[in-house]
Amino acid sequence: RPATIGELATAASADLWDPSKGLKHWLRTAEKARRTGDSLVQLRDYEGAFMEYAKAATIVLEKLPTHREYQTLLNADQRSNLGMVS
């Protein structure tokens, strides 16, 4: 059977966050997950794409705002842009 949304979301967030790594590392990781998700959609691997998009969203919307460098390395416009959906 296909995985449920909940199972996919849980798998996507497993071992996802290490706050000791720099903010730029996490920005690159989120962008890579988004690009991988786009590629998986083209391959019609929708479960894999969902997991990659969930990783990117979790990093950007939940984890980055708690990072110690978030307020110092990003200006107000950059922080606002991270919260926008394109």
Protein backbone atom coordinates (compact mmCIF):
# COMPACT_ATOMS: atom_id res chain seq x y z
CA ARG A 1 0.00 0.00 0.00
CA PRO A 2 1.17 3.56 -0.54
CA ALA A 3 2.36 5.45 2.52
CA THR A 4 -0.07 7.82 4.22
CA ILE A 5 0.55 11.56 4.31
CA GLY A 6 1.37 11.25 8.01
CA GLU A 7 3.88 8.47 7.38
CA LEU A 8 5.54 10.48 4.62
CA ALA A 9 5.69 13.61 6.78
CA THR A 10 7.20 11.67 9.67
CA ALA A 11 9.81 10.09 7.40
CA ALA A 12 10.64 13.47 5.86
CA SER A 13 11.36 15.07 9.22
CA ALA A 14 13.36 12.19 10.74
CA ASP A 15 16.92 13.25 11.64
CA LEU A 16 16.41 16.50 9.75
CA TRP A 17 17.81 19.15 12.08
CA ASP A 18 21.16 19.81 13.69
CA PRO A 19 21.20 23.36 15.11
CA SER A 20 25.00 23.32 15.39
CA LYS A 21 25.30 23.54 11.59
CA GLY A 22 25.37 27.01 10.07
CA LEU A 23 22.35 28.82 8.69
CA LYS A 24 23.80 28.79 5.16
CA HIS A 25 24.08 25.00 5.33
CA TRP A 26 20.34 24.79 6.06
CA LEU A 27 19.44 27.27 3.33
CA ARG A 28 21.39 25.13 0.83
CA THR A 29 19.81 21.94 2.21
CA ALA A 30 16.30 23.36 1.83
CA GLU A 31 17.00 24.53 -1.73
CA LYS A 32 18.46 21.14 -2.66
CA ALA A 33 15.36 19.39 -1.26
CA ARG A 34 13.11 21.69 -3.30
CA ARG A 35 15.05 21.02 -6.51
CA THR A 36 15.05 17.29 -5.82
CA GLY A 37 11.28 17.46 -5.28
CA ASP A 38 10.89 19.18 -8.65
CA SER A 39 12.95 16.45 -10.33
CA LEU A 40 10.95 13.68 -8.66
CA VAL A 41 7.68 15.23 -9.87
CA GLN A 42 9.03 15.03 -13.42
CA LEU A 43 9.74 11.34 -12.80
CA ARG A 44 6.21 10.92 -11.38
CA ASP A 45 7.63 9.84 -8.01
CA TYR A 46 5.03 11.76 -6.06
CA GLU A 47 5.78 10.16 -2.69
CA GLY A 48 9.45 11.03 -3.01
CA ALA A 49 8.61 14.54 -4.19
CA PHE A 50 6.25 15.04 -1.24
CA MET A 51 9.00 14.01 1.16
CA GLU A 52 11.51 16.41 -0.39
CA TYR A 53 9.04 19.31 -0.39
CA ALA A 54 8.13 18.48 3.22
CA LYS A 55 11.82 18.59 4.16
CA ALA A 56 12.27 21.97 2.50
CA ALA A 57 9.13 23.38 4.11
CA THR A 58 10.03 22.07 7.55
CA ILE A 59 13.49 23.59 7.36
CA VAL A 60 12.33 26.98 6.06
CA LEU A 61 9.12 27.44 8.04
CA GLU A 62 9.82 25.65 11.32
CA LYS A 63 13.54 25.17 11.88
CA LEU A 64 15.32 28.20 10.41
CA PRO A 65 13.44 30.75 12.55
CA THR A 66 14.86 29.00 15.66
CA HIS A 67 18.46 29.01 14.40
CA ARG A 68 20.93 31.13 16.37
CA GLU A 69 22.07 32.96 13.19
CA TYR A 70 18.60 33.65 11.81
CA GLN A 71 18.28 37.20 13.19
CA THR A 72 21.88 38.20 12.48
CA LEU A 73 22.58 36.81 9.00
CA LEU A 74 19.21 37.58 7.41
CA ASN A 75 17.66 41.03 7.20
CA ALA A 76 13.93 41.61 7.72
CA ASP A 77 13.14 41.35 3.99
CA GLN A 78 15.02 38.07 3.65
CA ARG A 79 13.25 36.62 6.69
CA SER A 80 9.91 37.72 5.26
CA ASN A 81 10.69 36.19 1.86
CA LEU A 82 11.47 32.83 3.44
CA GLY A 83 7.91 32.68 4.72
CA MET A 84 6.36 33.36 1.30
CA VAL A 85 5.13 30.56 -0.92
CA SER A 86 5.97 30.85 -4.60
